[in-house]
Amino acid sequence: MKKKGFIFDLDGVIVDTAKYHFLAWKKLANSIGVDFTEHQNEQLKGVSRIESLKKILKWGDITLSEEDFNRLMADKNTNYLSYIDKMDESEILPDVIKVIQFLMDKKQPIALGSASKNSVEILNKVNLFSQFDVIVDGNAVTKAKPDPEVFLKAAEAIQIKPENCIVFEDSVAGIQAANKANMISIGIGESSVLNEADVVFSNFTEMSLDFLEKLLTTEKSQLKEI
């Protein structure tokens, strides 16, 4: 069997840390007099911390010194870390472990490709760190999704060609990044939002082991047939 590479995003795919990002960003935005809605939060998914703060400042038409900008970024991360510090295995999204276990049984390389700079801590909190062969996160890349850098680095690290990699993503930017890297893009979420993905499931409970088995031998161009 030809080996494939499986690359998982973290937030919204393995665990739902998006709710903690929302709370931390809302606290930050409100502290500088900017309203912050769920809709705006959607626009920050898969986006780096620096770019996210720039968006919030733009929405509020606010200009900050570099010192204040850096302080706010640190404050946001401190608030976010206080939330994830309480995480445990119960926060793993449904059937993620089923999928990872299947791939481990098939001896397929598994990587993380995430914008998060706290991915190692989160994976340790939910007891999944040892299941990943490679972790490429916000500490290892300079370009945010939809740039494919994070996925290309992950593919290189697990020594699998990009066209033989499969990406699980919940954000539009992440799906675009996977497609730019010429990888199979599997959306986890709403098909109306992730319509650029090759295949979309609302969550991993909808993904059968038969589908995963077929992924091991299917090219991107053949996906519509399975």
C-alpha atoms as a PDB file:
ATOM      1  CA  MET A   1       0.000   0.000   0.000  1.00  0.00           C
ATOM      2  CA  LYS A   2       1.312   3.428  -0.973  1.00  0.00           C
ATOM      3  CA  LYS A   3       1.673   5.629   2.068  1.00  0.00           C
ATOM      4  CA  LYS A   4      -0.368   8.788   2.287  1.00  0.00           C
ATOM      5  CA  GLY A   5       0.151  11.666   4.693  1.00  0.00           C
ATOM      6  CA  PHE A   6      -2.672  12.851   6.919  1.00  0.00           C
ATOM      7  CA  ILE A   7      -2.511  16.416   8.202  1.00  0.00           C
ATOM      8  CA  PHE A   8      -4.921  17.683  10.835  1.00  0.00           C
ATOM      9  CA  ASP A   9      -5.712  21.251  11.715  1.00  0.00           C
ATOM     10  CA  LEU A  10      -6.201  21.644  15.477  1.00  0.00           C
ATOM     11  CA  ASP A  11      -8.796  24.267  16.408  1.00  0.00           C
ATOM     12  CA  GLY A  12     -12.260  23.128  15.355  1.00  0.00           C
ATOM     13  CA  VAL A  13     -11.013  19.805  13.972  1.00  0.00           C
ATOM     14  CA  ILE A  14      -9.457  17.918  16.899  1.00  0.00           C
ATOM     15  CA  VAL A  15     -10.719  20.112  19.737  1.00  0.00           C
ATOM     16  CA  ASP A  16     -13.140  23.024  19.897  1.00  0.00           C
ATOM     17  CA  THR A  17     -10.778  25.695  21.142  1.00  0.00           C
ATOM     18  CA  ALA A  18     -12.550  28.173  18.865  1.00  0.00           C
ATOM     19  CA  LYS A  19     -14.904  29.007  21.752  1.00  0.00           C
ATOM     20  CA  TYR A  20     -11.909  29.951  23.913  1.00  0.00           C
ATOM     21  CA  HIS A  21     -10.407  32.080  21.145  1.00  0.00           C
ATOM     22  CA  PHE A  22     -13.757  33.851  20.836  1.00  0.00           C
ATOM     23  CA  LEU A  23     -13.919  34.603  24.562  1.00  0.00           C
ATOM     24  CA  ALA A  24     -10.309  35.844  24.639  1.00  0.00           C
ATOM     25  CA  TRP A  25     -10.681  38.016  21.512  1.00  0.00           C
ATOM     26  CA  LYS A  26     -14.005  39.409  22.739  1.00  0.00           C
ATOM     27  CA  LYS A  27     -12.423  40.384  26.064  1.00  0.00           C
ATOM     28  CA  LEU A  28      -9.557  42.093  24.221  1.00  0.00           C
ATOM     29  CA  ALA A  29     -11.801  43.882  21.707  1.00  0.00           C
ATOM     30  CA  ASN A  30     -14.185  45.116  24.394  1.00  0.00           C
ATOM     31  CA  SER A  31     -11.230  46.412  26.437  1.00  0.00           C
ATOM     32  CA  ILE A  32     -10.358  48.829  23.600  1.00  0.00           C
ATOM     33  CA  GLY A  33     -13.972  49.781  22.886  1.00  0.00           C
ATOM     34  CA  VAL A  34     -14.629  47.486  19.926  1.00  0.00           C
ATOM     35  CA  ASP A  35     -17.741  45.329  19.686  1.00  0.00           C
ATOM     36  CA  PHE A  36     -16.937  41.736  18.743  1.00  0.00           C
ATOM     37  CA  THR A  37     -19.476  39.347  17.270  1.00  0.00           C
ATOM     38  CA  GLU A  38     -19.587  35.633  16.418  1.00  0.00           C
ATOM     39  CA  HIS A  39     -19.617  36.655  12.745  1.00  0.00           C
ATOM     40  CA  GLN A  40     -16.361  38.599  13.151  1.00  0.00           C
ATOM     41  CA  ASN A  41     -14.872  35.684  15.057  1.00  0.00           C
ATOM     42  CA  GLU A  42     -15.527  33.436  12.028  1.00  0.00           C
ATOM     43  CA  GLN A  43     -13.246  35.717  10.003  1.00  0.00           C
ATOM     44  CA  LEU A  44     -10.373  35.036  12.423  1.00  0.00           C
ATOM     45  CA  LYS A  45     -10.487  31.236  12.073  1.00  0.00           C
ATOM     46  CA  GLY A  46      -7.202  29.885  10.747  1.00  0.00           C
ATOM     47  CA  VAL A  47      -5.668  33.379  10.903  1.00  0.00           C
ATOM     48  CA  SER A  48      -2.529  34.154  12.923  1.00  0.00           C
ATOM     49  CA  ARG A  49      -2.696  36.123  16.165  1.00  0.00           C
ATOM     50  CA  ILE A  50      -0.959  39.150  14.615  1.00  0.00           C
ATOM     51  CA  GLU A  51      -3.302  39.270  11.607  1.00  0.00           C
ATOM     52  CA  SER A  52      -6.331  38.709  13.858  1.00  0.00           C
ATOM     53  CA  LEU A  53      -5.454  41.705  16.027  1.00  0.00           C
ATOM     54  CA  LYS A  54      -4.873  43.828  12.921  1.00  0.00           C
ATOM     55  CA  LYS A  55      -8.397  42.946  11.750  1.00  0.00           C
ATOM     56  CA  ILE A  56      -9.934  43.912  15.119  1.00  0.00           C
ATOM     57  CA  LEU A  57      -8.084  47.245  15.106  1.00  0.00           C
ATOM     58  CA  LYS A  58      -9.274  47.892  11.553  1.00  0.00           C
ATOM     59  CA  TRP A  59     -12.889  47.151  12.536  1.00  0.00           C
ATOM     60  CA  GLY A  60     -12.584  49.661  15.358  1.00  0.00           C
ATOM     61  CA  ASP A  61     -10.566  52.154  13.270  1.00  0.00           C
ATOM     62  CA  ILE A  62      -7.877  52.113  15.962  1.00  0.00           C
ATOM     63  CA  THR A  63      -4.149  52.756  15.591  1.00  0.00           C
ATOM     64  CA  LEU A  64      -1.741  51.516  18.252  1.00  0.00           C
ATOM     65  CA  SER A  65       1.949  51.860  18.987  1.00  0.00           C
ATOM     66  CA  GLU A  66       4.034  48.729  18.498  1.00  0.00           C
ATOM     67  CA  GLU A  67       4.404  48.466  22.281  1.00  0.00           C
ATOM     68  CA  ASP A  68       0.628  48.550  22.884  1.00  0.00           C
ATOM     69  CA  PHE A  69       0.050  46.138  19.996  1.00  0.00           C
ATOM     70  CA  ASN A  70       2.469  43.607  21.497  1.00  0.00           C
ATOM     71  CA  ARG A  71       0.963  44.067  24.964  1.00  0.00           C
ATOM     72  CA  LEU A  72      -2.527  43.312  23.649  1.00  0.00           C
ATOM     73  CA  MET A  73      -1.269  40.201  21.855  1.00  0.00           C
ATOM     74  CA  ALA A  74       0.300  38.988  25.095  1.00  0.00           C
ATOM     75  CA  ASP A  75      -2.898  39.754  27.044  1.00  0.00           C
ATOM     76  CA  LYS A  76      -4.990  37.791  24.556  1.00  0.00           C
ATOM     77  CA  ASN A  77      -2.697  34.783  24.825  1.00  0.00           C
ATOM     78  CA  THR A  78      -2.697  34.917  28.636  1.00  0.00           C
ATOM     79  CA  ASN A  79      -6.506  34.897  28.667  1.00  0.00           C
ATOM     80  CA  TYR A  80      -6.638  32.089  26.106  1.00  0.00           C
ATOM     81  CA  LEU A  81      -4.114  29.995  28.055  1.00  0.00           C
ATOM     82  CA  SER A  82      -6.183  30.375  31.217  1.00  0.00           C
ATOM     83  CA  TYR A  83      -9.056  28.687  29.364  1.00  0.00           C
ATOM     84  CA  ILE A  84      -7.063  25.864  27.784  1.00  0.00           C
ATOM     85  CA  ASP A  85      -5.277  25.154  31.059  1.00  0.00           C
ATOM     86  CA  LYS A  86      -8.500  23.468  32.187  1.00  0.00           C
ATOM     87  CA  MET A  87      -8.810  21.234  29.093  1.00  0.00           C
ATOM     88  CA  ASP A  88      -8.801  17.416  29.246  1.00  0.00           C
ATOM     89  CA  GLU A  89      -9.627  14.427  27.004  1.00  0.00           C
ATOM     90  CA  SER A  90     -13.350  15.187  27.207  1.00  0.00           C
ATOM     91  CA  GLU A  91     -12.723  18.133  24.859  1.00  0.00           C
ATOM     92  CA  ILE A  92     -11.662  15.942  21.919  1.00  0.00           C
ATOM     93  CA  LEU A  93     -14.341  16.220  19.247  1.00  0.00           C
ATOM     94  CA  PRO A  94     -16.473  13.125  18.472  1.00  0.00           C
ATOM     95  CA  ASP A  95     -14.760  10.266  16.591  1.00  0.00           C
ATOM     96  CA  VAL A  96     -11.436  12.083  16.152  1.00  0.00           C
ATOM     97  CA  ILE A  97      -9.795   9.246  18.076  1.00  0.00           C
ATOM     98  CA  LYS A  98     -11.519   6.677  15.824  1.00  0.00           C
ATOM     99  CA  VAL A  99      -9.947   8.285  12.750  1.00  0.00           C
ATOM    100  CA  ILE A 100      -6.500   8.694  14.297  1.00  0.00           C
ATOM    101  CA  GLN A 101      -6.522   5.096  15.561  1.00  0.00           C
ATOM    102  CA  PHE A 102      -7.460   3.822  12.085  1.00  0.00           C
ATOM    103  CA  LEU A 103      -4.542   5.735  10.536  1.00  0.00           C
ATOM    104  CA  MET A 104      -2.140   4.487  13.214  1.00  0.00           C
ATOM    105  CA  ASP A 105      -3.288   0.897  12.628  1.00  0.00           C
ATOM    106  CA  LYS A 106      -2.614   1.383   8.912  1.00  0.00           C
ATOM    107  CA  LYS A 107       0.802   2.866   9.752  1.00  0.00           C
ATOM    108  CA  GLN A 108       0.025   6.102   7.917  1.00  0.00           C
ATOM    109  CA  PRO A 109       2.059   9.210   8.862  1.00  0.00           C
ATOM    110  CA  ILE A 110       0.046  11.725  10.901  1.00  0.00           C
ATOM    111  CA  ALA A 111       0.934  15.413  11.190  1.00  0.00           C
ATOM    112  CA  LEU A 112      -0.511  18.533  12.732  1.00  0.00           C
ATOM    113  CA  GLY A 113      -0.707  21.652  10.571  1.00  0.00           C
ATOM    114  CA  SER A 114      -2.029  24.484  12.700  1.00  0.00           C
ATOM    115  CA  ALA A 115      -1.702  28.246  13.089  1.00  0.00           C
ATOM    116  CA  SER A 116      -1.837  27.770  16.870  1.00  0.00           C
ATOM    117  CA  LYS A 117       1.290  28.545  18.862  1.00  0.00           C
ATOM    118  CA  ASN A 118      -0.108  26.517  21.767  1.00  0.00           C
ATOM    119  CA  SER A 119      -0.648  23.246  19.911  1.00  0.00           C
ATOM    120  CA  VAL A 120       1.837  21.174  21.909  1.00  0.00           C
ATOM    121  CA  GLU A 121       0.292  22.253  25.201  1.00  0.00           C
ATOM    122  CA  ILE A 122      -3.231  21.528  23.938  1.00  0.00           C
ATOM    123  CA  LEU A 123      -2.315  18.099  22.559  1.00  0.00           C
ATOM    124  CA  ASN A 124      -0.665  17.236  25.863  1.00  0.00           C
ATOM    125  CA  LYS A 125      -3.743  18.414  27.799  1.00  0.00           C
ATOM    126  CA  VAL A 126      -6.021  16.110  25.785  1.00  0.00           C
ATOM    127  CA  ASN A 127      -3.464  13.275  25.763  1.00  0.00           C
ATOM    128  CA  LEU A 128      -2.977  13.121  21.977  1.00  0.00           C
ATOM    129  CA  PHE A 129       0.565  14.446  21.626  1.00  0.00           C
ATOM    130  CA  SER A 130       2.195  11.013  21.156  1.00  0.00           C
ATOM    131  CA  GLN A 131      -0.158  10.111  18.289  1.00  0.00           C
ATOM    132  CA  PHE A 132       1.377  12.717  15.984  1.00  0.00           C
ATOM    133  CA  ASP A 133       4.557  11.987  14.049  1.00  0.00           C
ATOM    134  CA  VAL A 134       5.127  15.654  13.278  1.00  0.00           C
ATOM    135  CA  ILE A 135       3.823  18.962  14.598  1.00  0.00           C
ATOM    136  CA  VAL A 136       4.043  22.073  12.424  1.00  0.00           C
ATOM    137  CA  ASP A 137       2.365  25.036  14.072  1.00  0.00           C
ATOM    138  CA  GLY A 138       2.484  28.807  14.409  1.00  0.00           C
ATOM    139  CA  ASN A 139       5.951  28.573  15.944  1.00  0.00           C
ATOM    140  CA  ALA A 140       7.363  27.012  12.763  1.00  0.00           C
ATOM    141  CA  VAL A 141       5.813  29.106   9.981  1.00  0.00           C
ATOM    142  CA  THR A 142       5.861  32.737   8.905  1.00  0.00           C
ATOM    143  CA  LYS A 143       2.924  32.777   6.472  1.00  0.00           C
ATOM    144  CA  ALA A 144      -0.681  32.350   7.574  1.00  0.00           C
ATOM    145  CA  LYS A 145      -3.272  30.252   5.752  1.00  0.00           C
ATOM    146  CA  PRO A 146      -4.453  30.488   2.973  1.00  0.00           C
ATOM    147  CA  ASP A 147      -0.729  30.353   2.214  1.00  0.00           C
ATOM    148  CA  PRO A 148       0.098  26.619   2.053  1.00  0.00           C
ATOM    149  CA  GLU A 149       3.382  26.916   3.989  1.00  0.00           C
ATOM    150  CA  VAL A 150       2.184  25.052   7.111  1.00  0.00           C
ATOM    151  CA  PHE A 151       0.918  22.069   5.093  1.00  0.00           C
ATOM    152  CA  LEU A 152       3.922  21.942   2.769  1.00  0.00           C
ATOM    153  CA  LYS A 153       6.259  21.931   5.779  1.00  0.00           C
ATOM    154  CA  ALA A 154       4.225  19.149   7.378  1.00  0.00           C
ATOM    155  CA  ALA A 155       4.378  17.079   4.173  1.00  0.00           C
ATOM    156  CA  GLU A 156       8.131  17.586   3.968  1.00  0.00           C
ATOM    157  CA  ALA A 157       8.569  16.587   7.609  1.00  0.00           C
ATOM    158  CA  ILE A 158       6.660  13.296   7.180  1.00  0.00           C
ATOM    159  CA  GLN A 159       8.425  12.764   3.823  1.00  0.00           C
ATOM    160  CA  ILE A 160       5.245  12.461   1.777  1.00  0.00           C
ATOM    161  CA  LYS A 161       4.715  14.324  -1.505  1.00  0.00           C
ATOM    162  CA  PRO A 162       2.023  17.036  -1.258  1.00  0.00           C
ATOM    163  CA  GLU A 163      -0.195  15.311  -3.850  1.00  0.00           C
ATOM    164  CA  ASN A 164      -0.285  12.267  -1.568  1.00  0.00           C
ATOM    165  CA  CYS A 165      -1.423  14.223   1.489  1.00  0.00           C
ATOM    166  CA  ILE A 166      -4.915  14.611   2.932  1.00  0.00           C
ATOM    167  CA  VAL A 167      -5.816  17.655   5.031  1.00  0.00           C
ATOM    168  CA  PHE A 168      -8.651  17.877   7.578  1.00  0.00           C
ATOM    169  CA  GLU A 169      -9.692  21.527   8.003  1.00  0.00           C
ATOM    170  CA  ASP A 170     -12.604  23.560   9.390  1.00  0.00           C
ATOM    171  CA  SER A 171     -11.740  26.993   7.972  1.00  0.00           C
ATOM    172  CA  VAL A 172     -12.078  28.476   4.510  1.00  0.00           C
ATOM    173  CA  ALA A 173      -8.472  29.730   4.671  1.00  0.00           C
ATOM    174  CA  GLY A 174      -7.288  26.237   5.613  1.00  0.00           C
ATOM    175  CA  ILE A 175      -9.160  24.574   2.741  1.00  0.00           C
ATOM    176  CA  GLN A 176      -7.706  27.131   0.329  1.00  0.00           C
ATOM    177  CA  ALA A 177      -4.219  26.435   1.687  1.00  0.00           C
ATOM    178  CA  ALA A 178      -4.659  22.670   1.220  1.00  0.00           C
ATOM    179  CA  ASN A 179      -5.898  23.167  -2.348  1.00  0.00           C
ATOM    180  CA  LYS A 180      -2.979  25.486  -3.161  1.00  0.00           C
ATOM    181  CA  ALA A 181      -0.640  22.762  -1.891  1.00  0.00           C
ATOM    182  CA  ASN A 182      -2.351  20.309  -4.284  1.00  0.00           C
ATOM    183  CA  MET A 183      -3.483  18.148  -1.361  1.00  0.00           C
ATOM    184  CA  ILE A 184      -6.856  16.468  -0.851  1.00  0.00           C
ATOM    185  CA  SER A 185      -8.929  18.896   1.221  1.00  0.00           C
ATOM    186  CA  ILE A 186     -11.549  17.488   3.573  1.00  0.00           C
ATOM    187  CA  GLY A 187     -13.748  20.074   5.229  1.00  0.00           C
ATOM    188  CA  ILE A 188     -15.057  19.521   8.747  1.00  0.00           C
ATOM    189  CA  GLY A 189     -18.075  21.782   9.159  1.00  0.00           C
ATOM    190  CA  GLU A 190     -20.809  23.240   6.984  1.00  0.00           C
ATOM    191  CA  SER A 191     -20.682  22.425   3.276  1.00  0.00           C
ATOM    192  CA  SER A 192     -22.140  25.846   2.410  1.00  0.00           C
ATOM    193  CA  VAL A 193     -19.117  27.490   4.063  1.00  0.00           C
ATOM    194  CA  LEU A 194     -16.444  24.975   3.046  1.00  0.00           C
ATOM    195  CA  ASN A 195     -17.624  24.587  -0.541  1.00  0.00           C
ATOM    196  CA  GLU A 196     -14.079  24.765  -1.929  1.00  0.00           C
ATOM    197  CA  ALA A 197     -13.159  21.485  -0.177  1.00  0.00           C
ATOM    198  CA  ASP A 198     -12.929  18.241  -2.143  1.00  0.00           C
ATOM    199  CA  VAL A 199     -15.266  16.567   0.384  1.00  0.00           C
ATOM    200  CA  VAL A 200     -17.115  17.947   3.420  1.00  0.00           C
ATOM    201  CA  PHE A 201     -18.363  16.190   6.547  1.00  0.00           C
ATOM    202  CA  SER A 202     -20.162  18.029   9.329  1.00  0.00           C
ATOM    203  CA  ASN A 203     -17.954  16.088  11.787  1.00  0.00           C
ATOM    204  CA  PHE A 204     -15.914  12.911  12.029  1.00  0.00           C
ATOM    205  CA  THR A 205     -18.917  10.804  13.110  1.00  0.00           C
ATOM    206  CA  GLU A 206     -20.096  11.016   9.483  1.00  0.00           C
ATOM    207  CA  MET A 207     -16.780   9.695   8.157  1.00  0.00           C
ATOM    208  CA  SER A 208     -16.841   5.920   7.730  1.00  0.00           C
ATOM    209  CA  LEU A 209     -13.818   3.665   8.005  1.00  0.00           C
ATOM    210  CA  ASP A 210     -14.671   2.520   4.470  1.00  0.00           C
ATOM    211  CA  PHE A 211     -14.211   6.115   3.258  1.00  0.00           C
ATOM    212  CA  LEU A 212     -10.866   6.339   5.073  1.00  0.00           C
ATOM    213  CA  GLU A 213      -9.805   3.024   3.522  1.00  0.00           C
ATOM    214  CA  LYS A 214     -10.593   4.377   0.054  1.00  0.00           C
ATOM    215  CA  LEU A 215      -8.619   7.553   0.771  1.00  0.00           C
ATOM    216  CA  LEU A 216      -5.495   5.427   1.024  1.00  0.00           C
ATOM    217  CA  THR A 217      -5.688   4.578  -2.686  1.00  0.00           C
ATOM    218  CA  THR A 218      -7.539   7.567  -4.172  1.00  0.00           C
ATOM    219  CA  GLU A 219      -6.082  10.542  -6.005  1.00  0.00           C
ATOM    220  CA  LYS A 220      -7.487  14.076  -5.662  1.00  0.00           C
ATOM    221  CA  SER A 221      -8.987  13.897  -9.173  1.00  0.00           C
ATOM    222  CA  GLN A 222     -10.866  10.673  -8.320  1.00  0.00           C
ATOM    223  CA  LEU A 223     -12.474  11.881  -5.094  1.00  0.00           C
ATOM    224  CA  LYS A 224     -15.886  12.663  -6.610  1.00  0.00           C
ATOM    225  CA  GLU A 225     -16.227   8.977  -7.451  1.00  0.00           C
ATOM    226  CA  ILE A 226     -16.015   7.590  -3.910  1.00  0.00           C
END
